[in-house]
Amino acid sequence: MNVFQILLIIHIIFGIICLFSGAISMFAKKRKGTHTKWGELYHASYVVIFITAIILSILRWEEIAYLFYVALFSYSFAIYGYLACKRRWKNWMHHHIRGMLGSYIGAVTALLVNVGDMIPLFNLLPKLWFWFLPTIVGAPLIYMVGLRFRRNKISNDKKHNNAL
C-alpha cells in the first residue's frame, strides 16, 4: 500500500465520521450535551478530511485538483461556523448556522462528486448535478433554519421584556 492509498483510507473513514456526526449534531437539541459533543467530533473529523484532501489533491493534481478547491472552500465554512460559536461573535448563532450547514453542503458535494454515480437513483442524474444538488437543497434549509432561530430569538426576547 502506498502513501496515497493510506491517506485515501484515512480520508474515507473520517469523511464517514464527519457526515454521521454532522447529521447527529444537526438533529440534536441545540444545547450543551449531544449537540456540542457531536459537533466537536464533526469539526475534528472535518480537520482530518481537509488535511488529507489537500495532500491527496497535491499528490494527484492532474486527476483531482478540484478536491483541493472543494476542501479549501468547504473547510472555510466549517472553521467560520466553529469560531463564531467558540468566540461568541455578535450574532454568533447566525454565523454558526451558516458556517456549519455550509460546510456540510460542501462535504455532501464532495461525496456525490466522487461516488454519486455508484448510488442508486443518483446514478441516473447527469454528473454535473452532483456539483449543484447539495447547494440547491441545502441553501434553502440554511435560510429556513436561520428564520426559525430568528423567530425563537424574537419570541424569547419578548418573554424576557414582558417579565421585566
N, C-alpha and C. Protein backbone atom coordinates (compact mmCIF):
# COMPACT_ATOMS: atom_id res chain seq x y z
N MET A 1 0.85 -1.18 0.00
CA MET A 1 0.00 0.00 0.00
C MET A 1 0.90 1.25 0.00
N ASN A 2 0.58 2.20 -0.87
CA ASN A 2 1.40 3.41 -0.95
C ASN A 2 0.78 4.54 -0.10
N VAL A 3 1.46 5.66 -0.04
CA VAL A 3 1.03 6.80 0.78
C VAL A 3 -0.34 7.30 0.35
N PHE A 4 -0.56 7.38 -0.96
CA PHE A 4 -1.85 7.85 -1.46
C PHE A 4 -2.99 6.96 -0.96
N GLN A 5 -2.82 5.66 -1.06
CA GLN A 5 -3.87 4.73 -0.63
C GLN A 5 -4.14 4.82 0.88
N ILE A 6 -3.08 4.96 1.66
CA ILE A 6 -3.25 5.09 3.12
C ILE A 6 -4.01 6.37 3.44
N LEU A 7 -3.61 7.47 2.82
CA LEU A 7 -4.30 8.75 3.05
C LEU A 7 -5.75 8.69 2.58
N LEU A 8 -6.00 8.00 1.47
CA LEU A 8 -7.36 7.86 0.96
C LEU A 8 -8.23 7.08 1.95
N ILE A 9 -7.70 6.02 2.53
CA ILE A 9 -8.45 5.25 3.53
C ILE A 9 -8.76 6.13 4.74
N ILE A 10 -7.77 6.87 5.22
CA ILE A 10 -7.99 7.80 6.35
C ILE A 10 -9.06 8.82 5.98
N HIS A 11 -8.95 9.36 4.77
CA HIS A 11 -9.90 10.36 4.29
C HIS A 11 -11.32 9.81 4.26
N ILE A 12 -11.49 8.61 3.76
CA ILE A 12 -12.81 7.99 3.68
C ILE A 12 -13.38 7.71 5.07
N ILE A 13 -12.56 7.15 5.95
CA ILE A 13 -13.03 6.85 7.32
C ILE A 13 -13.49 8.12 8.02
N PHE A 14 -12.67 9.16 7.96
CA PHE A 14 -13.04 10.40 8.63
C PHE A 14 -14.15 11.15 7.90
N GLY A 15 -14.27 10.94 6.60
CA GLY A 15 -15.40 11.50 5.86
C GLY A 15 -16.72 10.91 6.33
N ILE A 16 -16.73 9.60 6.54
CA ILE A 16 -17.93 8.93 7.06
C ILE A 16 -18.25 9.44 8.47
N ILE A 17 -17.23 9.53 9.31
CA ILE A 17 -17.43 10.06 10.68
C ILE A 17 -17.98 11.47 10.61
N CYS A 18 -17.43 12.27 9.72
CA CYS A 18 -17.86 13.66 9.57
C CYS A 18 -19.33 13.75 9.16
N LEU A 19 -19.72 12.98 8.18
CA LEU A 19 -21.11 13.03 7.70
C LEU A 19 -22.09 12.55 8.77
N PHE A 20 -21.76 11.48 9.48
CA PHE A 20 -22.66 10.97 10.51
C PHE A 20 -22.70 11.90 11.73
N SER A 21 -21.54 12.35 12.19
CA SER A 21 -21.53 13.23 13.37
C SER A 21 -22.19 14.57 13.06
N GLY A 22 -22.03 15.06 11.84
CA GLY A 22 -22.69 16.30 11.44
C GLY A 22 -24.20 16.15 11.44
N ALA A 23 -24.68 15.03 10.92
CA ALA A 23 -26.13 14.78 10.89
C ALA A 23 -26.69 14.66 12.31
N ILE A 24 -25.99 13.94 13.17
CA ILE A 24 -26.44 13.78 14.56
C ILE A 24 -26.48 15.14 15.25
N SER A 25 -25.43 15.92 15.07
CA SER A 25 -25.38 17.24 15.68
C SER A 25 -26.48 18.15 15.16
N MET A 26 -26.76 18.06 13.85
CA MET A 26 -27.81 18.88 13.24
C MET A 26 -29.18 18.61 13.85
N PHE A 27 -29.47 17.33 14.10
CA PHE A 27 -30.80 16.96 14.56
C PHE A 27 -30.93 16.89 16.08
N ALA A 28 -29.84 17.08 16.79
CA ALA A 28 -29.88 17.07 18.26
C ALA A 28 -30.42 18.41 18.77
N LYS A 29 -30.94 18.41 19.99
CA LYS A 29 -31.39 19.65 20.64
C LYS A 29 -30.19 20.58 20.74
N LYS A 30 -30.42 21.85 20.48
CA LYS A 30 -29.34 22.82 20.43
C LYS A 30 -29.02 23.37 21.83
N ARG A 31 -28.26 22.58 22.55
CA ARG A 31 -27.76 22.98 23.87
C ARG A 31 -26.55 22.11 24.16
N LYS A 32 -25.87 22.42 25.27
CA LYS A 32 -24.70 21.62 25.63
C LYS A 32 -25.11 20.18 25.82
N GLY A 33 -24.23 19.29 25.43
CA GLY A 33 -24.52 17.87 25.52
C GLY A 33 -24.35 17.22 24.17
N THR A 34 -25.40 16.59 23.71
CA THR A 34 -25.34 15.84 22.45
C THR A 34 -24.90 16.72 21.28
N HIS A 35 -25.52 17.88 21.14
CA HIS A 35 -25.19 18.76 20.01
C HIS A 35 -23.71 19.16 20.03
N THR A 36 -23.23 19.58 21.18
CA THR A 36 -21.85 20.06 21.24
C THR A 36 -20.83 18.92 21.13
N LYS A 37 -21.10 17.77 21.73
CA LYS A 37 -20.16 16.65 21.64
C LYS A 37 -20.03 16.16 20.21
N TRP A 38 -21.17 15.97 19.55
CA TRP A 38 -21.13 15.51 18.16
C TRP A 38 -20.62 16.60 17.24
N GLY A 39 -20.90 17.86 17.58
CA GLY A 39 -20.39 18.98 16.80
C GLY A 39 -18.87 19.07 16.87
N GLU A 40 -18.31 18.82 18.04
CA GLU A 40 -16.84 18.80 18.19
C GLU A 40 -16.23 17.68 17.36
N LEU A 41 -16.88 16.51 17.38
CA LEU A 41 -16.39 15.39 16.57
C LEU A 41 -16.50 15.73 15.08
N TYR A 42 -17.59 16.38 14.71
CA TYR A 42 -17.77 16.82 13.32
C TYR A 42 -16.61 17.72 12.89
N HIS A 43 -16.30 18.72 13.72
CA HIS A 43 -15.24 19.64 13.35
C HIS A 43 -13.88 18.94 13.33
N ALA A 44 -13.60 18.11 14.31
CA ALA A 44 -12.31 17.41 14.35
C ALA A 44 -12.15 16.50 13.13
N SER A 45 -13.21 15.79 12.77
CA SER A 45 -13.12 14.92 11.59
C SER A 45 -13.00 15.75 10.31
N TYR A 46 -13.62 16.93 10.30
CA TYR A 46 -13.50 17.82 9.14
C TYR A 46 -12.06 18.30 8.97
N VAL A 47 -11.39 18.55 10.08
CA VAL A 47 -9.98 18.94 10.01
C VAL A 47 -9.17 17.85 9.32
N VAL A 48 -9.42 16.60 9.70
CA VAL A 48 -8.70 15.47 9.10
C VAL A 48 -9.01 15.36 7.61
N ILE A 49 -10.29 15.45 7.24
CA ILE A 49 -10.60 15.31 5.80
C ILE A 49 -10.08 16.51 5.02
N PHE A 50 -10.02 17.68 5.64
CA PHE A 50 -9.45 18.84 4.97
C PHE A 50 -7.96 18.61 4.67
N ILE A 51 -7.22 18.20 5.69
CA ILE A 51 -5.78 17.99 5.53
C ILE A 51 -5.51 16.86 4.53
N THR A 52 -6.23 15.75 4.66
CA THR A 52 -5.99 14.64 3.73
C THR A 52 -6.41 15.01 2.30
N ALA A 53 -7.48 15.77 2.15
CA ALA A 53 -7.91 16.19 0.81
C ALA A 53 -6.85 17.07 0.14
N ILE A 54 -6.28 17.96 0.91
CA ILE A 54 -5.23 18.84 0.36
C ILE A 54 -4.04 18.00 -0.11
N ILE A 55 -3.60 17.08 0.75
CA ILE A 55 -2.44 16.24 0.40
C ILE A 55 -2.77 15.34 -0.80
N LEU A 56 -3.94 14.69 -0.76
CA LEU A 56 -4.34 13.81 -1.87
C LEU A 56 -4.39 14.57 -3.19
N SER A 57 -4.95 15.76 -3.16
CA SER A 57 -5.07 16.54 -4.41
C SER A 57 -3.70 16.96 -4.93
N ILE A 58 -2.78 17.26 -4.03
CA ILE A 58 -1.42 17.63 -4.47
C ILE A 58 -0.71 16.42 -5.07
N LEU A 59 -0.91 15.25 -4.45
CA LEU A 59 -0.26 14.04 -4.95
C LEU A 59 -0.75 13.63 -6.35
N ARG A 60 -2.00 13.93 -6.64
CA ARG A 60 -2.56 13.55 -7.96
C ARG A 60 -3.25 14.76 -8.59
N TRP A 61 -2.52 15.84 -8.67
CA TRP A 61 -3.07 17.11 -9.12
C TRP A 61 -3.77 17.02 -10.47
N GLU A 62 -3.19 16.35 -11.41
CA GLU A 62 -3.77 16.28 -12.76
C GLU A 62 -5.15 15.61 -12.75
N GLU A 63 -5.35 14.68 -11.84
CA GLU A 63 -6.61 13.93 -11.78
C GLU A 63 -7.65 14.56 -10.86
N ILE A 64 -7.22 15.08 -9.72
CA ILE A 64 -8.18 15.52 -8.69
C ILE A 64 -7.87 16.89 -8.11
N ALA A 65 -7.42 17.80 -8.93
CA ALA A 65 -7.13 19.15 -8.46
C ALA A 65 -8.36 19.80 -7.84
N TYR A 66 -9.54 19.46 -8.38
CA TYR A 66 -10.79 20.02 -7.84
C TYR A 66 -10.95 19.76 -6.36
N LEU A 67 -10.42 18.64 -5.88
CA LEU A 67 -10.54 18.29 -4.46
C LEU A 67 -9.87 19.34 -3.57
N PHE A 68 -8.77 19.90 -4.04
CA PHE A 68 -8.07 20.96 -3.31
C PHE A 68 -9.02 22.14 -3.06
N TYR A 69 -9.70 22.56 -4.11
CA TYR A 69 -10.57 23.73 -4.01
C TYR A 69 -11.85 23.44 -3.23
N VAL A 70 -12.40 22.26 -3.40
CA VAL A 70 -13.59 21.87 -2.63
C VAL A 70 -13.23 21.83 -1.15
N ALA A 71 -12.08 21.24 -0.82
CA ALA A 71 -11.65 21.14 0.58
C ALA A 71 -11.43 22.53 1.19
N LEU A 72 -10.75 23.38 0.46
CA LEU A 72 -10.47 24.73 0.96
C LEU A 72 -11.76 25.52 1.18
N PHE A 73 -12.64 25.49 0.20
CA PHE A 73 -13.90 26.21 0.28
C PHE A 73 -14.79 25.66 1.39
N SER A 74 -14.91 24.34 1.46
CA SER A 74 -15.79 23.71 2.44
C SER A 74 -15.29 23.89 3.86
N TYR A 75 -13.99 23.69 4.05
CA TYR A 75 -13.47 23.84 5.41
C TYR A 75 -13.51 25.29 5.87
N SER A 76 -13.44 26.22 4.95
CA SER A 76 -13.55 27.63 5.36
C SER A 76 -14.91 27.89 6.01
N PHE A 77 -15.96 27.23 5.51
CA PHE A 77 -17.27 27.33 6.16
C PHE A 77 -17.24 26.70 7.55
N ALA A 78 -16.61 25.54 7.66
CA ALA A 78 -16.56 24.83 8.94
C ALA A 78 -15.84 25.65 10.00
N ILE A 79 -14.69 26.21 9.67
CA ILE A 79 -13.94 26.97 10.66
C ILE A 79 -14.65 28.28 10.99
N TYR A 80 -15.32 28.86 10.02
CA TYR A 80 -16.12 30.08 10.24
C TYR A 80 -17.24 29.80 11.25
N GLY A 81 -18.00 28.74 11.03
CA GLY A 81 -19.08 28.40 11.95
C GLY A 81 -18.58 28.00 13.32
N TYR A 82 -17.49 27.28 13.34
CA TYR A 82 -16.90 26.82 14.61
C TYR A 82 -16.40 28.00 15.44
N LEU A 83 -15.66 28.90 14.81
CA LEU A 83 -15.12 30.06 15.53
C LEU A 83 -16.22 31.02 15.97
N ALA A 84 -17.26 31.16 15.17
CA ALA A 84 -18.38 32.03 15.55
C ALA A 84 -18.96 31.58 16.87
N CYS A 85 -19.10 30.28 17.04
CA CYS A 85 -19.65 29.72 18.27
C CYS A 85 -18.65 29.82 19.42
N LYS A 86 -17.42 29.42 19.18
CA LYS A 86 -16.40 29.40 20.24
C LYS A 86 -16.08 30.79 20.77
N ARG A 87 -16.06 31.76 19.88
CA ARG A 87 -15.68 33.13 20.29
C ARG A 87 -16.88 34.03 20.54
N ARG A 88 -18.07 33.48 20.33
CA ARG A 88 -19.33 34.20 20.58
C ARG A 88 -19.35 35.58 19.93
N TRP A 89 -19.13 35.57 18.60
CA TRP A 89 -19.21 36.80 17.84
C TRP A 89 -20.60 37.40 17.99
N LYS A 90 -20.72 38.68 17.65
CA LYS A 90 -22.04 39.29 17.59
C LYS A 90 -22.88 38.51 16.58
N ASN A 91 -24.11 38.19 16.94
CA ASN A 91 -24.99 37.35 16.11
C ASN A 91 -24.32 36.02 15.77
N TRP A 92 -23.60 35.47 16.75
CA TRP A 92 -22.81 34.27 16.52
C TRP A 92 -23.66 33.10 16.02
N MET A 93 -24.90 33.01 16.47
CA MET A 93 -25.71 31.86 16.07
C MET A 93 -25.97 31.85 14.56
N HIS A 94 -26.24 33.02 13.99
CA HIS A 94 -26.44 33.09 12.54
C HIS A 94 -25.18 32.66 11.79
N HIS A 95 -24.03 33.13 12.26
CA HIS A 95 -22.76 32.76 11.63
C HIS A 95 -22.51 31.26 11.80
N HIS A 96 -22.81 30.75 12.98
CA HIS A 96 -22.60 29.32 13.27
C HIS A 96 -23.47 28.46 12.34
N ILE A 97 -24.73 28.82 12.22
CA ILE A 97 -25.66 28.06 11.37
C ILE A 97 -25.17 28.07 9.92
N ARG A 98 -24.87 29.24 9.41
CA ARG A 98 -24.42 29.35 8.01
C ARG A 98 -23.13 28.56 7.78
N GLY A 99 -22.19 28.73 8.70
CA GLY A 99 -20.90 28.05 8.53
C GLY A 99 -21.00 26.55 8.60
N MET A 100 -21.68 26.05 9.62
CA MET A 100 -21.73 24.60 9.80
C MET A 100 -22.58 23.93 8.71
N LEU A 101 -23.72 24.51 8.40
CA LEU A 101 -24.54 23.91 7.33
C LEU A 101 -23.87 24.08 5.96
N GLY A 102 -23.20 25.19 5.76
CA GLY A 102 -22.45 25.38 4.51
C GLY A 102 -21.34 24.35 4.36
N SER A 103 -20.67 24.05 5.47
CA SER A 103 -19.61 23.05 5.41
C SER A 103 -20.18 21.66 5.16
N TYR A 104 -21.36 21.39 5.70
CA TYR A 104 -22.00 20.09 5.47
C TYR A 104 -22.39 19.95 3.99
N ILE A 105 -22.88 21.03 3.41
CA ILE A 105 -23.17 21.02 1.97
C ILE A 105 -21.89 20.70 1.19
N GLY A 106 -20.79 21.29 1.60
CA GLY A 106 -19.51 21.01 0.94
C GLY A 106 -19.11 19.55 1.06
N ALA A 107 -19.30 18.96 2.23
CA ALA A 107 -18.95 17.55 2.43
C ALA A 107 -19.83 16.64 1.58
N VAL A 108 -21.12 16.95 1.53
CA VAL A 108 -22.03 16.14 0.71
C VAL A 108 -21.70 16.30 -0.78
N THR A 109 -21.36 17.51 -1.18
CA THR A 109 -20.96 17.75 -2.57
C THR A 109 -19.74 16.90 -2.92
N ALA A 110 -18.73 16.92 -2.05
CA ALA A 110 -17.52 16.13 -2.30
C ALA A 110 -17.85 14.65 -2.40
N LEU A 111 -18.72 14.18 -1.53
CA LEU A 111 -19.14 12.77 -1.57
C LEU A 111 -19.80 12.44 -2.91
N LEU A 112 -20.78 13.26 -3.29
CA LEU A 112 -21.52 12.98 -4.54
C LEU A 112 -20.63 13.06 -5.77
N VAL A 113 -19.74 14.04 -5.80
CA VAL A 113 -18.85 14.19 -6.96
C VAL A 113 -17.97 12.95 -7.12
N ASN A 114 -17.58 12.35 -5.99
CA ASN A 114 -16.68 11.20 -6.05
C ASN A 114 -17.37 9.86 -6.18
N VAL A 115 -18.55 9.70 -5.58
CA VAL A 115 -19.21 8.38 -5.61
C VAL A 115 -20.68 8.44 -5.99
N GLY A 116 -21.16 9.58 -6.42
CA GLY A 116 -22.56 9.74 -6.77
C GLY A 116 -23.03 8.79 -7.85
N ASP A 117 -22.14 8.50 -8.79
CA ASP A 117 -22.53 7.59 -9.87
C ASP A 117 -22.65 6.13 -9.43
N MET A 118 -22.30 5.85 -8.16
CA MET A 118 -22.44 4.49 -7.61
C MET A 118 -23.65 4.38 -6.69
N ILE A 119 -24.36 5.48 -6.47
CA ILE A 119 -25.52 5.49 -5.56
C ILE A 119 -26.79 5.34 -6.39
N PRO A 120 -27.61 4.32 -6.07
CA PRO A 120 -28.86 4.14 -6.83
C PRO A 120 -29.70 5.42 -6.85
N LEU A 121 -30.34 5.67 -7.94
CA LEU A 121 -31.14 6.85 -8.26
C LEU A 121 -30.25 8.05 -8.59
N PHE A 122 -29.23 8.31 -7.78
CA PHE A 122 -28.32 9.40 -8.11
C PHE A 122 -27.57 9.08 -9.40
N ASN A 123 -27.32 7.80 -9.63
CA ASN A 123 -26.58 7.41 -10.84
C ASN A 123 -27.38 7.66 -12.11
N LEU A 124 -28.65 8.02 -11.97
CA LEU A 124 -29.47 8.36 -13.13
C LEU A 124 -29.32 9.83 -13.52
N LEU A 125 -28.77 10.62 -12.61
CA LEU A 125 -28.61 12.06 -12.85
C LEU A 125 -27.34 12.34 -13.66
N PRO A 126 -27.35 13.43 -14.42
CA PRO A 126 -26.10 13.85 -15.07
C PRO A 126 -25.06 14.20 -13.99
N LYS A 127 -23.81 13.89 -14.24
CA LYS A 127 -22.75 14.10 -13.24
C LYS A 127 -22.63 15.56 -12.79
N LEU A 128 -22.96 16.49 -13.66
CA LEU A 128 -22.90 17.90 -13.30
C LEU A 128 -23.82 18.22 -12.12
N TRP A 129 -24.91 17.48 -12.01
CA TRP A 129 -25.85 17.70 -10.91
C TRP A 129 -25.21 17.45 -9.55
N PHE A 130 -24.24 16.55 -9.50
CA PHE A 130 -23.60 16.23 -8.22
C PHE A 130 -22.93 17.48 -7.62
N TRP A 131 -22.51 18.39 -8.47
CA TRP A 131 -21.88 19.62 -8.01
C TRP A 131 -22.89 20.62 -7.44
N PHE A 132 -24.11 20.58 -7.92
CA PHE A 132 -25.08 21.62 -7.56
C PHE A 132 -26.23 21.16 -6.68
N LEU A 133 -26.57 19.90 -6.73
CA LEU A 133 -27.72 19.39 -5.97
C LEU A 133 -27.63 19.66 -4.46
N PRO A 134 -26.49 19.42 -3.81
CA PRO A 134 -26.43 19.71 -2.37
C PRO A 134 -26.69 21.19 -2.05
N THR A 135 -26.22 22.08 -2.89
CA THR A 135 -26.45 23.51 -2.66
C THR A 135 -27.90 23.87 -2.94
N ILE A 136 -28.47 23.29 -3.99
CA ILE A 136 -29.87 23.56 -4.32
C ILE A 136 -30.79 23.14 -3.18
N VAL A 137 -30.49 22.01 -2.56
CA VAL A 137 -31.28 21.52 -1.43
C VAL A 137 -30.89 22.24 -0.14
N GLY A 138 -29.59 22.43 0.07
CA GLY A 138 -29.09 22.94 1.35
C GLY A 138 -29.27 24.42 1.58
N ALA A 139 -29.13 25.23 0.56
CA ALA A 139 -29.23 26.69 0.74
C ALA A 139 -30.59 27.11 1.30
N PRO A 140 -31.70 26.61 0.76
CA PRO A 140 -32.99 26.96 1.37
C PRO A 140 -33.12 26.47 2.82
N LEU A 141 -32.49 25.33 3.12
CA LEU A 141 -32.53 24.83 4.50
C LEU A 141 -31.79 25.77 5.45
N ILE A 142 -30.66 26.30 5.01
CA ILE A 142 -29.93 27.27 5.83
C ILE A 142 -30.82 28.48 6.10
N TYR A 143 -31.51 28.93 5.07
CA TYR A 143 -32.40 30.08 5.21
C TYR A 143 -33.52 29.78 6.19
N MET A 144 -34.15 28.60 6.07
CA MET A 144 -35.27 28.24 6.95
C MET A 144 -34.82 28.07 8.40
N VAL A 145 -33.66 27.47 8.61
CA VAL A 145 -33.15 27.31 9.97
C VAL A 145 -32.84 28.69 10.56
N GLY A 146 -32.26 29.56 9.75
CA GLY A 146 -32.00 30.93 10.21
C GLY A 146 -33.27 31.66 10.59
N LEU A 147 -34.32 31.50 9.79
CA LEU A 147 -35.62 32.13 10.11
C LEU A 147 -36.19 31.57 11.41
N ARG A 148 -36.11 30.26 11.57
CA ARG A 148 -36.63 29.63 12.79
C ARG A 148 -35.89 30.14 14.01
N PHE A 149 -34.58 30.27 13.90
CA PHE A 149 -33.79 30.79 15.01
C PHE A 149 -34.19 32.23 15.31
N ARG A 150 -34.36 33.02 14.26
CA ARG A 150 -34.72 34.43 14.44
C ARG A 150 -36.08 34.54 15.13
N ARG A 151 -37.06 33.72 14.71
CA ARG A 151 -38.39 33.74 15.35
C ARG A 151 -38.29 33.34 16.82
N ASN A 152 -37.52 32.30 17.12
CA ASN A 152 -37.36 31.87 18.51
C ASN A 152 -36.68 32.95 19.34
N LYS A 153 -35.70 33.64 18.77
CA LYS A 153 -35.00 34.70 19.48
C LYS A 153 -35.94 35.86 19.76
N ILE A 154 -36.74 36.25 18.78
CA ILE A 154 -37.70 37.34 18.97
C ILE A 154 -38.71 36.96 20.04
N SER A 155 -39.20 35.74 19.98
CA SER A 155 -40.17 35.25 20.97
C SER A 155 -39.56 35.25 22.37
N ASN A 156 -38.32 34.79 22.50
CA ASN A 156 -37.65 34.77 23.80
C ASN A 156 -37.37 36.18 24.31
N ASP A 157 -37.00 37.11 23.40
CA ASP A 157 -36.77 38.50 23.80
C ASP A 157 -38.06 39.13 24.32
N LYS A 158 -39.20 38.86 23.67
CA LYS A 158 -40.48 39.41 24.11
C LYS A 158 -40.85 38.86 25.48
N LYS A 159 -40.65 37.56 25.69
CA LYS A 159 -40.93 36.95 27.00
C LYS A 159 -40.07 37.59 28.07
N HIS A 160 -38.79 37.80 27.75
CA HIS A 160 -37.86 38.40 28.70
C HIS A 160 -38.28 39.84 29.04
N ASN A 161 -38.64 40.62 28.01
CA ASN A 161 -39.05 42.01 28.23
C ASN A 161 -40.36 42.09 29.01
N ASN A 162 -41.29 41.17 28.76
CA ASN A 162 -42.56 41.15 29.49
C ASN A 162 -42.35 40.78 30.96
N ALA A 163 -41.35 39.98 31.23
CA ALA A 163 -41.07 39.57 32.60
C ALA A 163 -40.48 40.72 33.41
N LEU A 164 -39.86 41.68 32.71
CA LEU A 164 -39.26 42.83 33.40
C LEU A 164 -40.36 43.78 33.76
